[in-house]
Each structure stands twice: as structure tokens, then as C-alpha cells.
Amino acid sequence: MMGLKQIISKNLYRKATAPIFVLTIFLMTITLIYPLRIQGGEIYTGANNNGIKMASNIPISEKHENKAQKTERRTLKNKATQKQDKKGMVKESFQKTVQEEFKSLQAWGQRRKNNPEKCERDNSWNAFYDEYYDFEYDIQKTNSRVTPYIGIVTFKGKSFTKRGTSKEECLNAEWKWLDVNSKPTLQYSYQHGKWVLKKKPPFYKEY
């Protein structure tokens, strides 16, 4: 009779513990598989505050970067800053060059006012001048080491004229707009740290 009770008790115990055993195996399997899924990706290396090296798939803060990483990051940052500063200097120097040329062109245009010329064909006297009031420019990067930049500027002006049968009559006459705008375009090259004029219209500031 006792033997039968022991057999029944063992069977009941096995049935009761079987789900627990299966659940334990399942949890152990999940625990082993899940870390493998999150351990992929980029590995970050560095050192903690005590100088101990460590590796993680979580980006290490700037405070824990090693010296090599900090040096590389600072070098890249400095290069980017230098490149930006150089571009700013190039633009600033071109603006200065354009402003100086603009003032020279305005002065040249005004000087022509009081210099009428005699036309041999009909013996009349004619005067011309250009009034420059604005300009626009553009700086372009090139692949040349000798000329890393080129600058193009276009000056905007209006052309005026007057005439007379004599020089005095021409000087006292009223100016008339020719209905033609003057737009000379100049091209510069940036060489050895300065802007050099390379292209200009024919007879630019020569008459």
C-alpha cells in the first residue's frame, strides 16, 4: 500500500515540476541569445577616469576619450576652422580689391565730363561719360594650386553724352542718357595671396 502511495506522489511531483523546468530552460535560452543580438554594431574604445581601458557598443563620452582620439578630433576641427578662415580672408580681400577698382572707375568716368572731343567728320564737339553706381561679384573655387580661386566682378553704369558746334557750346549743353548701360566685367585670379587682374574689356579706362 505504501509503495503505491510513493509511486503516486512521485508522479504528481514530476507533473508539478515539469512546467517549472521547461520555463527555466526557456529563460536561460533567452538570456543567452538576447545579448548576442545587442552586441553587434560598432565597438567604441577608450579609458575611464582611472585610465583603465574599456570597450563598449555605446559611444564613449568626450571625457573618456583617449589622447589619440582627442588629438584626431581636434586636428579635424582645426582644419575645418582654418579652411573656413582662409575662405573668409579670400572673400574679404576680393571685396577690398573690387571696392578700390570701383572708386577708380567712378573717378575715371567723372574725368571724361570736361574733356569733349572734336569730330572731324562734321566738326562737332562731343562729350561722353559713364556714371557707375553699383557692382556685383562672384568668387569661384578651382582645382588649380597656382590659382585656387578666381573672382569675377561686373560694374553697373549709365552712359551719357552731349554735343555742340563748339567746345564751349558742348560744355554748356545738357547731358542726355544714351539709353545704353555700361557693364564692364573684369576677371581676377588669386595667386600668391593676392588678386591679379587677368581679363578686361577692350579699351577699359583707356579713352
C-alpha atoms as a PDB file:
ATOM      1  CA  MET A   1       0.000   0.000   0.000  1.00  0.00           C
ATOM      2  CA  MET A   2       2.872   2.407   0.906  1.00  0.00           C
ATOM      3  CA  GLY A   3       4.584   1.558  -2.350  1.00  0.00           C
ATOM      4  CA  LEU A   4       1.519   2.639  -4.280  1.00  0.00           C
ATOM      5  CA  LYS A   5       1.369   5.959  -2.384  1.00  0.00           C
ATOM      6  CA  GLN A   6       5.047   6.640  -3.112  1.00  0.00           C
ATOM      7  CA  ILE A   7       4.557   5.967  -6.841  1.00  0.00           C
ATOM      8  CA  ILE A   8       1.522   8.293  -6.968  1.00  0.00           C
ATOM      9  CA  SER A   9       3.416  11.032  -5.065  1.00  0.00           C
ATOM     10  CA  LYS A  10       6.421  10.828  -7.425  1.00  0.00           C
ATOM     11  CA  ASN A  11       4.182  11.094 -10.490  1.00  0.00           C
ATOM     12  CA  LEU A  12       2.366  14.103  -9.057  1.00  0.00           C
ATOM     13  CA  TYR A  13       5.716  15.784  -8.202  1.00  0.00           C
ATOM     14  CA  ARG A  14       7.048  15.222 -11.701  1.00  0.00           C
ATOM     15  CA  LYS A  15       3.899  16.686 -13.261  1.00  0.00           C
ATOM     16  CA  ALA A  16       4.060  19.682 -10.944  1.00  0.00           C
ATOM     17  CA  THR A  17       7.757  20.434 -11.576  1.00  0.00           C
ATOM     18  CA  ALA A  18       7.723  19.814 -15.344  1.00  0.00           C
ATOM     19  CA  PRO A  19       6.347  23.291 -16.288  1.00  0.00           C
ATOM     20  CA  ILE A  20       8.843  24.957 -13.943  1.00  0.00           C
ATOM     21  CA  PHE A  21      11.706  23.018 -15.577  1.00  0.00           C
ATOM     22  CA  VAL A  22      10.547  23.984 -19.091  1.00  0.00           C
ATOM     23  CA  LEU A  23      10.166  27.656 -18.073  1.00  0.00           C
ATOM     24  CA  THR A  24      13.669  27.651 -16.559  1.00  0.00           C
ATOM     25  CA  ILE A  25      15.190  26.262 -19.756  1.00  0.00           C
ATOM     26  CA  PHE A  26      13.303  28.866 -21.835  1.00  0.00           C
ATOM     27  CA  LEU A  27      14.523  31.780 -19.683  1.00  0.00           C
ATOM     28  CA  MET A  28      18.108  30.504 -19.846  1.00  0.00           C
ATOM     29  CA  THR A  29      17.908  30.287 -23.649  1.00  0.00           C
ATOM     30  CA  ILE A  30      16.554  33.865 -23.932  1.00  0.00           C
ATOM     31  CA  THR A  31      19.298  35.133 -21.615  1.00  0.00           C
ATOM     32  CA  LEU A  32      21.985  33.581 -23.824  1.00  0.00           C
ATOM     33  CA  ILE A  33      20.510  34.716 -27.178  1.00  0.00           C
ATOM     34  CA  TYR A  34      19.492  38.332 -26.339  1.00  0.00           C
ATOM     35  CA  PRO A  35      22.994  39.686 -25.526  1.00  0.00           C
ATOM     36  CA  LEU A  36      24.249  38.323 -28.838  1.00  0.00           C
ATOM     37  CA  ARG A  37      21.654  40.446 -30.628  1.00  0.00           C
ATOM     38  CA  ILE A  38      22.647  43.716 -28.906  1.00  0.00           C
ATOM     39  CA  GLN A  39      26.393  43.179 -29.013  1.00  0.00           C
ATOM     40  CA  GLY A  40      26.631  43.797 -32.766  1.00  0.00           C
ATOM     41  CA  GLY A  41      27.462  47.097 -34.399  1.00  0.00           C
ATOM     42  CA  GLU A  42      30.365  49.478 -33.863  1.00  0.00           C
ATOM     43  CA  ILE A  43      32.691  48.952 -30.918  1.00  0.00           C
ATOM     44  CA  TYR A  44      33.920  52.070 -29.100  1.00  0.00           C
ATOM     45  CA  THR A  45      37.172  52.034 -27.138  1.00  0.00           C
ATOM     46  CA  GLY A  46      38.545  54.422 -24.569  1.00  0.00           C
ATOM     47  CA  ALA A  47      39.623  54.770 -20.974  1.00  0.00           C
ATOM     48  CA  ASN A  48      37.764  55.645 -17.819  1.00  0.00           C
ATOM     49  CA  ASN A  49      38.763  58.214 -15.186  1.00  0.00           C
ATOM     50  CA  ASN A  50      41.234  55.738 -13.685  1.00  0.00           C
ATOM     51  CA  GLY A  51      42.977  55.174 -17.007  1.00  0.00           C
ATOM     52  CA  ILE A  52      41.597  51.672 -17.381  1.00  0.00           C
ATOM     53  CA  LYS A  53      40.887  50.706 -20.997  1.00  0.00           C
ATOM     54  CA  MET A  54      37.337  49.719 -21.801  1.00  0.00           C
ATOM     55  CA  ALA A  55      35.268  48.706 -24.814  1.00  0.00           C
ATOM     56  CA  SER A  56      31.560  49.172 -25.368  1.00  0.00           C
ATOM     57  CA  ASN A  57      28.940  49.306 -28.097  1.00  0.00           C
ATOM     58  CA  ILE A  58      27.764  52.574 -26.530  1.00  0.00           C
ATOM     59  CA  PRO A  59      29.638  55.718 -27.663  1.00  0.00           C
ATOM     60  CA  ILE A  60      32.148  56.809 -25.041  1.00  0.00           C
ATOM     61  CA  SER A  61      31.792  60.382 -23.849  1.00  0.00           C
ATOM     62  CA  GLU A  62      34.342  63.030 -24.765  1.00  0.00           C
ATOM     63  CA  LYS A  63      35.596  62.956 -21.184  1.00  0.00           C
ATOM     64  CA  HIS A  64      36.629  59.297 -21.568  1.00  0.00           C
ATOM     65  CA  GLU A  65      38.280  59.595 -24.986  1.00  0.00           C
ATOM     66  CA  ASN A  66      41.902  58.560 -25.138  1.00  0.00           C
ATOM     67  CA  LYS A  67      44.603  61.039 -26.178  1.00  0.00           C
ATOM     68  CA  ALA A  68      44.822  59.774 -29.764  1.00  0.00           C
ATOM     69  CA  GLN A  69      41.102  60.192 -30.302  1.00  0.00           C
ATOM     70  CA  LYS A  70      41.117  63.672 -28.759  1.00  0.00           C
ATOM     71  CA  THR A  71      44.086  64.712 -30.902  1.00  0.00           C
ATOM     72  CA  GLU A  72      42.433  63.450 -34.084  1.00  0.00           C
ATOM     73  CA  ARG A  73      39.162  65.197 -33.265  1.00  0.00           C
ATOM     74  CA  ARG A  74      40.929  68.478 -32.512  1.00  0.00           C
ATOM     75  CA  THR A  75      43.010  68.216 -35.701  1.00  0.00           C
ATOM     76  CA  LEU A  76      39.915  67.765 -37.852  1.00  0.00           C
ATOM     77  CA  LYS A  77      38.228  70.658 -36.081  1.00  0.00           C
ATOM     78  CA  ASN A  78      41.260  72.908 -36.562  1.00  0.00           C
ATOM     79  CA  LYS A  79      41.487  72.021 -40.263  1.00  0.00           C
ATOM     80  CA  ALA A  80      37.833  72.867 -40.770  1.00  0.00           C
ATOM     81  CA  THR A  81      38.293  76.167 -38.919  1.00  0.00           C
ATOM     82  CA  GLN A  82      41.409  77.056 -40.926  1.00  0.00           C
ATOM     83  CA  LYS A  83      39.637  76.262 -44.196  1.00  0.00           C
ATOM     84  CA  GLN A  84      36.717  78.462 -43.222  1.00  0.00           C
ATOM     85  CA  ASP A  85      39.027  81.273 -42.086  1.00  0.00           C
ATOM     86  CA  LYS A  86      41.002  81.126 -45.354  1.00  0.00           C
ATOM     87  CA  LYS A  87      37.842  81.317 -47.411  1.00  0.00           C
ATOM     88  CA  GLY A  88      36.732  84.314 -45.358  1.00  0.00           C
ATOM     89  CA  MET A  89      40.095  86.030 -45.888  1.00  0.00           C
ATOM     90  CA  VAL A  90      39.948  85.391 -49.640  1.00  0.00           C
ATOM     91  CA  LYS A  91      36.451  86.877 -49.841  1.00  0.00           C
ATOM     92  CA  GLU A  92      37.413  89.870 -47.720  1.00  0.00           C
ATOM     93  CA  SER A  93      40.499  90.612 -49.825  1.00  0.00           C
ATOM     94  CA  PHE A  94      38.478  90.404 -53.051  1.00  0.00           C
ATOM     95  CA  GLN A  95      35.866  92.774 -51.668  1.00  0.00           C
ATOM     96  CA  LYS A  96      38.644  95.258 -50.934  1.00  0.00           C
ATOM     97  CA  THR A  97      40.089  94.853 -54.444  1.00  0.00           C
ATOM     98  CA  VAL A  98      36.658  95.391 -56.015  1.00  0.00           C
ATOM     99  CA  GLN A  99      35.954  98.481 -53.888  1.00  0.00           C
ATOM    100  CA  GLU A 100      39.255 100.069 -54.929  1.00  0.00           C
ATOM    101  CA  GLU A 101      38.611  99.370 -58.612  1.00  0.00           C
ATOM    102  CA  PHE A 102      35.065 100.694 -58.296  1.00  0.00           C
ATOM    103  CA  LYS A 103      36.312 104.021 -56.907  1.00  0.00           C
ATOM    104  CA  SER A 104      38.933 104.249 -59.653  1.00  0.00           C
ATOM    105  CA  LEU A 105      36.300 103.570 -62.318  1.00  0.00           C
ATOM    106  CA  GLN A 106      33.952 106.199 -60.895  1.00  0.00           C
ATOM    107  CA  ALA A 107      36.739 108.788 -60.880  1.00  0.00           C
ATOM    108  CA  TRP A 108      37.679 107.915 -64.467  1.00  0.00           C
ATOM    109  CA  GLY A 109      34.061 108.299 -65.578  1.00  0.00           C
ATOM    110  CA  GLN A 110      33.777 111.742 -63.993  1.00  0.00           C
ATOM    111  CA  ARG A 111      37.043 112.993 -65.549  1.00  0.00           C
ATOM    112  CA  ARG A 112      35.617 112.484 -69.045  1.00  0.00           C
ATOM    113  CA  LYS A 113      32.892 115.046 -68.382  1.00  0.00           C
ATOM    114  CA  ASN A 114      35.091 118.051 -69.033  1.00  0.00           C
ATOM    115  CA  ASN A 115      37.038 116.604 -71.959  1.00  0.00           C
ATOM    116  CA  PRO A 116      34.915 116.991 -75.127  1.00  0.00           C
ATOM    117  CA  GLU A 117      36.421 115.793 -78.371  1.00  0.00           C
ATOM    118  CA  LYS A 118      36.059 117.235 -81.834  1.00  0.00           C
ATOM    119  CA  CYS A 119      34.521 115.046 -84.501  1.00  0.00           C
ATOM    120  CA  GLU A 120      36.411 115.575 -87.750  1.00  0.00           C
ATOM    121  CA  ARG A 121      33.537 114.244 -89.814  1.00  0.00           C
ATOM    122  CA  ASP A 122      31.117 117.113 -89.078  1.00  0.00           C
ATOM    123  CA  ASN A 123      33.327 119.429 -86.969  1.00  0.00           C
ATOM    124  CA  SER A 124      31.036 118.999 -83.975  1.00  0.00           C
ATOM    125  CA  TRP A 125      32.159 118.655 -80.383  1.00  0.00           C
ATOM    126  CA  ASN A 126      31.059 115.638 -78.333  1.00  0.00           C
ATOM    127  CA  ALA A 127      31.500 114.633 -74.732  1.00  0.00           C
ATOM    128  CA  PHE A 128      30.784 111.291 -73.085  1.00  0.00           C
ATOM    129  CA  TYR A 129      30.946 109.856 -69.605  1.00  0.00           C
ATOM    130  CA  ASP A 130      29.804 106.809 -67.650  1.00  0.00           C
ATOM    131  CA  GLU A 131      28.269 107.046 -64.207  1.00  0.00           C
ATOM    132  CA  TYR A 132      28.903 103.857 -62.213  1.00  0.00           C
ATOM    133  CA  TYR A 133      26.581 103.255 -59.312  1.00  0.00           C
ATOM    134  CA  ASP A 134      26.814  99.574 -58.330  1.00  0.00           C
ATOM    135  CA  PHE A 135      28.572  96.243 -58.909  1.00  0.00           C
ATOM    136  CA  GLU A 136      28.140  92.514 -58.348  1.00  0.00           C
ATOM    137  CA  TYR A 137      30.814  89.851 -57.932  1.00  0.00           C
ATOM    138  CA  ASP A 138      31.327  86.128 -57.568  1.00  0.00           C
ATOM    139  CA  ILE A 139      34.218  84.016 -56.245  1.00  0.00           C
ATOM    140  CA  GLN A 140      34.731  80.532 -57.649  1.00  0.00           C
ATOM    141  CA  LYS A 141      36.914  77.693 -56.304  1.00  0.00           C
ATOM    142  CA  THR A 142      39.174  75.937 -58.804  1.00  0.00           C
ATOM    143  CA  ASN A 143      41.263  72.744 -58.789  1.00  0.00           C
ATOM    144  CA  SER A 144      44.467  74.658 -59.508  1.00  0.00           C
ATOM    145  CA  ARG A 145      47.128  75.047 -56.835  1.00  0.00           C
ATOM    146  CA  VAL A 146      48.561  78.105 -58.568  1.00  0.00           C
ATOM    147  CA  THR A 147      45.167  79.789 -58.871  1.00  0.00           C
ATOM    148  CA  PRO A 148      42.868  78.271 -56.231  1.00  0.00           C
ATOM    149  CA  TYR A 149      40.245  80.997 -56.724  1.00  0.00           C
ATOM    150  CA  ILE A 150      39.002  83.251 -59.492  1.00  0.00           C
ATOM    151  CA  GLY A 151      36.921  86.361 -58.957  1.00  0.00           C
ATOM    152  CA  ILE A 152      34.521  87.935 -61.442  1.00  0.00           C
ATOM    153  CA  VAL A 153      33.061  91.417 -60.996  1.00  0.00           C
ATOM    154  CA  THR A 154      30.611  93.350 -63.168  1.00  0.00           C
ATOM    155  CA  PHE A 155      30.253  97.089 -62.691  1.00  0.00           C
ATOM    156  CA  LYS A 156      26.933  98.752 -63.445  1.00  0.00           C
ATOM    157  CA  GLY A 157      26.795 102.197 -65.003  1.00  0.00           C
ATOM    158  CA  LYS A 158      24.835 104.525 -67.272  1.00  0.00           C
ATOM    159  CA  SER A 159      26.298 106.283 -70.311  1.00  0.00           C
ATOM    160  CA  PHE A 160      25.620 109.967 -71.046  1.00  0.00           C
ATOM    161  CA  THR A 161      26.539 112.317 -73.907  1.00  0.00           C
ATOM    162  CA  LYS A 162      26.202 115.919 -75.088  1.00  0.00           C
ATOM    163  CA  ARG A 163      27.333 117.843 -78.143  1.00  0.00           C
ATOM    164  CA  GLY A 164      27.717 121.311 -79.634  1.00  0.00           C
ATOM    165  CA  THR A 165      29.071 123.177 -82.637  1.00  0.00           C
ATOM    166  CA  SER A 166      31.958 124.439 -80.496  1.00  0.00           C
ATOM    167  CA  LYS A 167      33.824 123.228 -77.443  1.00  0.00           C
ATOM    168  CA  GLU A 168      32.224 125.911 -75.272  1.00  0.00           C
ATOM    169  CA  GLU A 169      28.757 125.121 -76.542  1.00  0.00           C
ATOM    170  CA  CYS A 170      29.363 121.420 -75.877  1.00  0.00           C
ATOM    171  CA  LEU A 171      30.478 122.118 -72.304  1.00  0.00           C
ATOM    172  CA  ASN A 172      27.364 124.205 -71.607  1.00  0.00           C
ATOM    173  CA  ALA A 173      24.955 121.698 -73.161  1.00  0.00           C
ATOM    174  CA  GLU A 174      22.774 119.349 -71.109  1.00  0.00           C
ATOM    175  CA  TRP A 175      23.677 115.714 -70.663  1.00  0.00           C
ATOM    176  CA  LYS A 176      21.475 113.132 -72.342  1.00  0.00           C
ATOM    177  CA  TRP A 177      21.252 109.497 -71.367  1.00  0.00           C
ATOM    178  CA  LEU A 178      22.241 107.223 -74.235  1.00  0.00           C
ATOM    179  CA  ASP A 179      19.736 104.563 -73.175  1.00  0.00           C
ATOM    180  CA  VAL A 180      22.688 102.179 -73.055  1.00  0.00           C
ATOM    181  CA  ASN A 181      24.004 100.741 -69.816  1.00  0.00           C
ATOM    182  CA  SER A 182      27.705 100.247 -69.319  1.00  0.00           C
ATOM    183  CA  LYS A 183      28.565  96.892 -67.733  1.00  0.00           C
ATOM    184  CA  PRO A 184      32.291  96.166 -67.911  1.00  0.00           C
ATOM    185  CA  THR A 185      33.244  92.765 -66.490  1.00  0.00           C
ATOM    186  CA  LEU A 186      36.655  92.005 -65.019  1.00  0.00           C
ATOM    187  CA  GLN A 187      38.170  88.652 -64.090  1.00  0.00           C
ATOM    188  CA  TYR A 188      40.791  88.228 -61.380  1.00  0.00           C
ATOM    189  CA  SER A 189      42.947  85.285 -60.320  1.00  0.00           C
ATOM    190  CA  TYR A 190      44.032  84.687 -56.733  1.00  0.00           C
ATOM    191  CA  GLN A 191      47.768  83.976 -56.851  1.00  0.00           C
ATOM    192  CA  HIS A 192      50.361  84.026 -54.079  1.00  0.00           C
ATOM    193  CA  GLY A 193      47.957  85.624 -51.636  1.00  0.00           C
ATOM    194  CA  LYS A 194      46.760  88.491 -53.839  1.00  0.00           C
ATOM    195  CA  TRP A 195      44.279  89.186 -56.642  1.00  0.00           C
ATOM    196  CA  VAL A 196      45.685  89.736 -60.146  1.00  0.00           C
ATOM    197  CA  LEU A 197      43.619  91.223 -62.989  1.00  0.00           C
ATOM    198  CA  LYS A 198      43.599  88.750 -65.898  1.00  0.00           C
ATOM    199  CA  LYS A 199      40.760  89.796 -68.214  1.00  0.00           C
ATOM    200  CA  LYS A 200      39.146  93.152 -69.011  1.00  0.00           C
ATOM    201  CA  PRO A 201      37.097  94.658 -71.853  1.00  0.00           C
ATOM    202  CA  PRO A 202      38.923  96.293 -74.797  1.00  0.00           C
ATOM    203  CA  PHE A 203      39.901  99.938 -74.150  1.00  0.00           C
ATOM    204  CA  TYR A 204      38.913  99.660 -70.484  1.00  0.00           C
ATOM    205  CA  LYS A 205      39.707 103.061 -68.884  1.00  0.00           C
ATOM    206  CA  GLU A 206      41.918 103.929 -71.868  1.00  0.00           C
ATOM    207  CA  TYR A 207      39.957 106.721 -73.521  1.00  0.00           C
END
